[in-house]
C-alpha atoms as a PDB file:
ATOM      1  CA  UNK A   1      89.064 110.595 120.034  1.00  0.00           C
ATOM      2  CA  UNK A   2      87.543 113.136 117.707  1.00  0.00           C
ATOM      3  CA  UNK A   3      89.200 116.137 119.390  1.00  0.00           C
ATOM      4  CA  UNK A   4      92.534 114.434 120.120  1.00  0.00           C
ATOM      5  CA  UNK A   5      94.531 116.617 117.736  1.00  0.00           C
ATOM      6  CA  UNK A   6      93.126 119.843 119.170  1.00  0.00           C
ATOM      7  CA  UNK A   7      93.947 118.732 122.730  1.00  0.00           C
ATOM      8  CA  UNK A   8      97.510 117.827 121.722  1.00  0.00           C
ATOM      9  CA  UNK A   9      97.882 121.098 119.803  1.00  0.00           C
ATOM     10  CA  UNK A  10      96.905 122.988 122.942  1.00  0.00           C
ATOM     11  CA  UNK A  11      99.471 121.074 125.001  1.00  0.00           C
ATOM     12  CA  UNK A  12     102.139 121.776 122.376  1.00  0.00           C
ATOM     13  CA  UNK A  13     101.140 125.465 122.261  1.00  0.00           C
ATOM     14  CA  UNK A  14     100.421 125.505 118.518  1.00  0.00           C
ATOM     15  CA  UNK A  15      97.306 126.215 116.460  1.00  0.00           C
ATOM     16  CA  UNK A  16      97.055 122.786 114.841  1.00  0.00           C
ATOM     17  CA  UNK A  17      98.902 119.489 114.448  1.00  0.00           C
ATOM     18  CA  UNK A  18      99.019 116.814 111.749  1.00  0.00           C
ATOM     19  CA  UNK A  19      99.319 113.044 112.281  1.00  0.00           C
ATOM     20  CA  UNK A  20     102.768 112.953 110.677  1.00  0.00           C
ATOM     21  CA  UNK A  21     104.196 115.731 112.906  1.00  0.00           C
ATOM     22  CA  UNK A  22     107.084 114.509 115.037  1.00  0.00           C
ATOM     23  CA  UNK A  23     106.532 115.161 118.729  1.00  0.00           C
ATOM     24  CA  UNK A  24     110.162 116.044 119.482  1.00  0.00           C
ATOM     25  CA  UNK A  25     110.168 118.699 116.724  1.00  0.00           C
ATOM     26  CA  UNK A  26     107.867 121.029 118.664  1.00  0.00           C
ATOM     27  CA  UNK A  27     109.547 123.938 120.405  1.00  0.00           C
ATOM     28  CA  UNK A  28     107.850 123.314 123.759  1.00  0.00           C
ATOM     29  CA  UNK A  29     108.497 119.529 123.757  1.00  0.00           C
ATOM     30  CA  UNK A  30     109.834 118.748 127.226  1.00  0.00           C
ATOM     31  CA  UNK A  31     109.201 116.553 130.244  1.00  0.00           C
ATOM     32  CA  UNK A  32     106.282 118.716 131.396  1.00  0.00           C
ATOM     33  CA  UNK A  33     104.557 118.283 128.033  1.00  0.00           C
ATOM     34  CA  UNK A  34     105.118 114.531 128.215  1.00  0.00           C
ATOM     35  CA  UNK A  35     103.551 114.462 131.685  1.00  0.00           C
ATOM     36  CA  UNK A  36     100.614 116.489 130.369  1.00  0.00           C
ATOM     37  CA  UNK A  37     100.083 113.989 127.536  1.00  0.00           C
ATOM     38  CA  UNK A  38     100.212 111.129 130.047  1.00  0.00           C
ATOM     39  CA  UNK A  39      97.588 112.900 132.170  1.00  0.00           C
ATOM     40  CA  UNK A  40      95.320 113.542 129.163  1.00  0.00           C
ATOM     41  CA  UNK A  41      95.582 109.904 128.073  1.00  0.00           C
ATOM     42  CA  UNK A  42      94.587 108.767 131.551  1.00  0.00           C
ATOM     43  CA  UNK A  43      91.843 111.321 132.207  1.00  0.00           C
ATOM     44  CA  UNK A  44      90.246 111.472 128.763  1.00  0.00           C
ATOM     45  CA  UNK A  45      90.769 107.934 127.480  1.00  0.00           C
ATOM     46  CA  UNK A  46      91.462 105.735 130.529  1.00  0.00           C
ATOM     47  CA  UNK A  47      94.860 104.758 129.121  1.00  0.00           C
ATOM     48  CA  UNK A  48      98.042 104.534 131.180  1.00  0.00           C
ATOM     49  CA  UNK A  49     101.172 105.614 129.341  1.00  0.00           C
ATOM     50  CA  UNK A  50     104.752 106.017 130.496  1.00  0.00           C
ATOM     51  CA  UNK A  51     107.174 108.700 129.337  1.00  0.00           C
ATOM     52  CA  UNK A  52     108.936 105.986 127.328  1.00  0.00           C
ATOM     53  CA  UNK A  53     105.638 105.102 125.619  1.00  0.00           C
ATOM     54  CA  UNK A  54     105.101 108.723 124.617  1.00  0.00           C
ATOM     55  CA  UNK A  55     108.636 109.041 123.251  1.00  0.00           C
ATOM     56  CA  UNK A  56     108.291 105.723 121.402  1.00  0.00           C
ATOM     57  CA  UNK A  57     105.167 107.014 119.641  1.00  0.00           C
ATOM     58  CA  UNK A  58     107.377 109.500 117.713  1.00  0.00           C
ATOM     59  CA  UNK A  59     104.488 111.288 115.911  1.00  0.00           C
ATOM     60  CA  UNK A  60     101.040 112.689 116.701  1.00  0.00           C
ATOM     61  CA  UNK A  61      99.497 109.848 114.683  1.00  0.00           C
ATOM     62  CA  UNK A  62     101.636 107.265 116.459  1.00  0.00           C
ATOM     63  CA  UNK A  63     100.532 108.604 119.814  1.00  0.00           C
ATOM     64  CA  UNK A  64      96.881 108.527 118.787  1.00  0.00           C
ATOM     65  CA  UNK A  65      97.193 104.935 117.545  1.00  0.00           C
ATOM     66  CA  UNK A  66      98.942 103.870 120.737  1.00  0.00           C
ATOM     67  CA  UNK A  67      96.111 105.301 122.827  1.00  0.00           C
ATOM     68  CA  UNK A  68      93.470 103.707 120.570  1.00  0.00           C
ATOM     69  CA  UNK A  69      95.149 100.285 120.901  1.00  0.00           C
ATOM     70  CA  UNK A  70      95.272 100.505 124.707  1.00  0.00           C
ATOM     71  CA  UNK A  71      91.875 102.083 125.235  1.00  0.00           C
ATOM     72  CA  UNK A  72      89.622 100.084 127.545  1.00  0.00           C
END
């Protein structure tokens, strides 16, 4: 998960993200971005997330931890 932040930054259309950044605070945060995060979690990490899971994560760090905990 070493490049997780850079992948999420690309999805959120920003240069960089920090673990404490709130997902909903990003300008391009919408259902398409949530679906993209779900796809990245599945493709890159073998983790199945729902839209509710992503919203429950709240922050970049929370999302990363959620994926780490569910990783196979």
